[in-house]
Amino acid sequence: QVQLVESGGGLVQPGGSLRLSCAASGSIFSIYHMAWYRQAPGKQRELVARITTSGNTNYKDSVKGRFTISRDNGKDTVYLQMNSLKPEDTAVYYCNAVRIGSSSGSWGQGTQVTVSS
C-alpha cells in the first residue's frame, strides 16, 4: 500500500480556481494508477479524474474542460487543477492509488472543497 495525503482544499467563489495536491509516501511512478474522487453530502463517492502510469487521463463528463489531473513522478505527487468551479463541485475530494495488478487501492483522508459566494 501507499500512503496518501491530500491538501489544497478550501472555500472558493463560483467561477474560481483551486489546485488540490496528493502527496504519496513514495514509489508511485510506473506502478500506480492515480485518481481523484469526491463525495458530496448525502451522495455516493464518485470518480472525478484518473491518470494512468503512462499518463493517460479521463474525466467525469461534468468536469471535462474545467479540471485537469496531472502527476509529478519526481515529487510522488498528483494534482487536480480545478477551474470554473461551480457550487455542485462542493464535496470532500479524495485521492486514490491503485497498484498495477492489485484488486484494492489506497485512499487519502480527503480535503474539503466548498464553492460558494
Protein backbone atom coordinates (compact mmCIF):
# COMPACT_ATOMS: atom_id res chain seq x y z
CA GLN A 1 0.00 0.00 0.00
CA VAL A 2 0.90 3.63 -0.46
CA GLN A 3 0.01 6.37 2.00
CA LEU A 4 -1.70 9.43 0.54
CA VAL A 5 -2.19 12.92 1.96
CA GLU A 6 -4.43 15.46 0.22
CA SER A 7 -4.17 19.21 0.59
CA GLY A 8 -5.30 22.39 -1.11
CA GLY A 9 -9.00 22.35 -0.36
CA GLY A 10 -10.87 25.34 0.91
CA LEU A 11 -13.58 27.87 0.21
CA VAL A 12 -13.74 29.40 -3.25
CA GLN A 13 -16.29 31.52 -5.08
CA PRO A 14 -18.17 30.20 -8.10
CA GLY A 15 -16.02 30.60 -11.19
CA GLY A 16 -12.86 30.47 -9.14
CA SER A 17 -9.97 28.04 -9.23
CA LEU A 18 -8.32 25.68 -6.80
CA ARG A 19 -5.48 23.18 -7.04
CA LEU A 20 -5.53 20.03 -4.98
CA SER A 21 -2.39 18.07 -4.21
CA CYS A 22 -1.97 14.45 -3.24
CA ALA A 23 1.39 13.53 -1.78
CA ALA A 24 2.27 9.85 -1.83
CA SER A 25 4.62 8.08 0.53
CA GLY A 26 6.74 7.11 -2.41
CA SER A 27 7.27 4.91 -5.45
CA ILE A 28 4.03 5.67 -7.27
CA PHE A 29 5.85 6.21 -10.54
CA SER A 30 5.27 3.43 -13.09
CA ILE A 31 3.32 1.15 -10.76
CA TYR A 32 0.28 3.10 -9.53
CA HIS A 33 -2.69 4.47 -11.39
CA MET A 34 -3.96 7.59 -9.62
CA ALA A 35 -7.37 9.16 -9.37
CA TRP A 36 -9.41 11.84 -7.66
CA TYR A 37 -12.83 11.03 -6.27
CA ARG A 38 -15.31 13.24 -4.49
CA GLN A 39 -18.22 12.75 -2.15
CA ALA A 40 -20.88 15.37 -1.56
CA PRO A 41 -23.18 15.28 1.48
CA GLY A 42 -25.78 12.56 1.06
CA LYS A 43 -24.18 11.36 -2.16
CA GLN A 44 -22.10 8.36 -3.14
CA ARG A 45 -18.41 8.79 -3.78
CA GLU A 46 -17.77 9.33 -7.48
CA LEU A 47 -14.79 9.28 -9.79
CA VAL A 48 -13.73 12.75 -10.92
CA ALA A 49 -10.50 12.19 -12.81
CA ARG A 50 -8.00 9.43 -13.40
CA ILE A 51 -4.43 9.25 -14.66
CA THR A 52 -2.60 6.06 -15.51
CA THR A 53 1.04 5.17 -15.09
CA SER A 54 1.55 6.08 -18.75
CA GLY A 55 -0.08 9.48 -18.34
CA ASN A 56 -3.40 8.77 -19.99
CA THR A 57 -6.30 10.64 -18.41
CA ASN A 58 -10.06 10.52 -18.27
CA TYR A 59 -12.66 12.65 -16.53
CA LYS A 60 -16.17 12.72 -15.27
CA ASP A 61 -18.18 14.32 -18.05
CA SER A 62 -19.33 17.25 -15.93
CA VAL A 63 -15.76 18.37 -15.19
CA LYS A 64 -14.28 17.98 -18.68
CA GLY A 65 -12.67 21.19 -19.83
CA ARG A 66 -12.62 22.55 -16.27
CA PHE A 67 -10.49 20.08 -14.30
CA THR A 68 -7.04 18.75 -15.13
CA ILE A 69 -5.33 15.85 -13.41
CA SER A 70 -1.56 15.59 -13.59
CA ARG A 71 1.27 13.82 -11.85
CA ASP A 72 4.80 14.76 -10.92
CA ASN A 73 6.59 11.46 -10.53
CA GLY A 74 9.75 13.08 -9.22
CA LYS A 75 7.77 14.50 -6.29
CA ASP A 76 5.45 11.49 -5.93
CA THR A 77 2.57 13.92 -6.15
CA VAL A 78 -0.70 14.05 -8.07
CA TYR A 79 -2.59 17.27 -8.71
CA LEU A 80 -6.10 18.25 -9.60
CA GLN A 81 -6.36 21.72 -11.09
CA MET A 82 -9.96 22.88 -10.84
CA ASN A 83 -11.12 25.90 -12.82
CA SER A 84 -14.52 27.48 -13.35
CA LEU A 85 -15.74 25.92 -10.15
CA LYS A 86 -19.45 25.52 -9.58
CA PRO A 87 -21.44 25.08 -6.36
CA GLU A 88 -22.17 21.49 -7.41
CA ASP A 89 -18.43 20.80 -7.21
CA THR A 90 -18.68 21.16 -3.44
CA ALA A 91 -17.55 17.89 -1.87
CA VAL A 92 -14.81 16.16 0.01
CA TYR A 93 -12.16 15.23 -2.52
CA TYR A 94 -10.17 12.04 -2.08
CA CYS A 95 -7.00 10.83 -3.70
CA ASN A 96 -6.87 7.19 -4.75
CA ALA A 97 -4.00 4.95 -5.80
CA VAL A 98 -4.29 1.51 -7.35
CA ARG A 99 -1.22 -0.60 -7.89
CA ILE A 100 -0.96 -2.35 -11.24
CA GLY A 101 -2.21 -5.89 -10.80
CA SER A 102 -3.91 -5.15 -7.48
CA SER A 103 -7.60 -5.54 -6.72
CA SER A 104 -7.60 -2.91 -3.98
CA GLY A 105 -6.45 0.66 -3.63
CA SER A 106 -5.32 3.22 -1.10
CA TRP A 107 -7.22 6.33 -0.05
CA GLY A 108 -6.21 9.65 1.38
CA GLN A 109 -8.05 11.32 4.24
CA GLY A 110 -9.85 13.77 1.98
CA THR A 111 -9.86 17.54 1.63
CA GLN A 112 -12.96 19.72 1.70
CA VAL A 113 -13.78 21.88 -1.30
CA THR A 114 -16.60 24.36 -0.86
CA VAL A 115 -17.77 26.51 -3.75
CA SER A 116 -19.98 29.30 -2.52
CA SER A 117 -20.35 33.04 -2.85
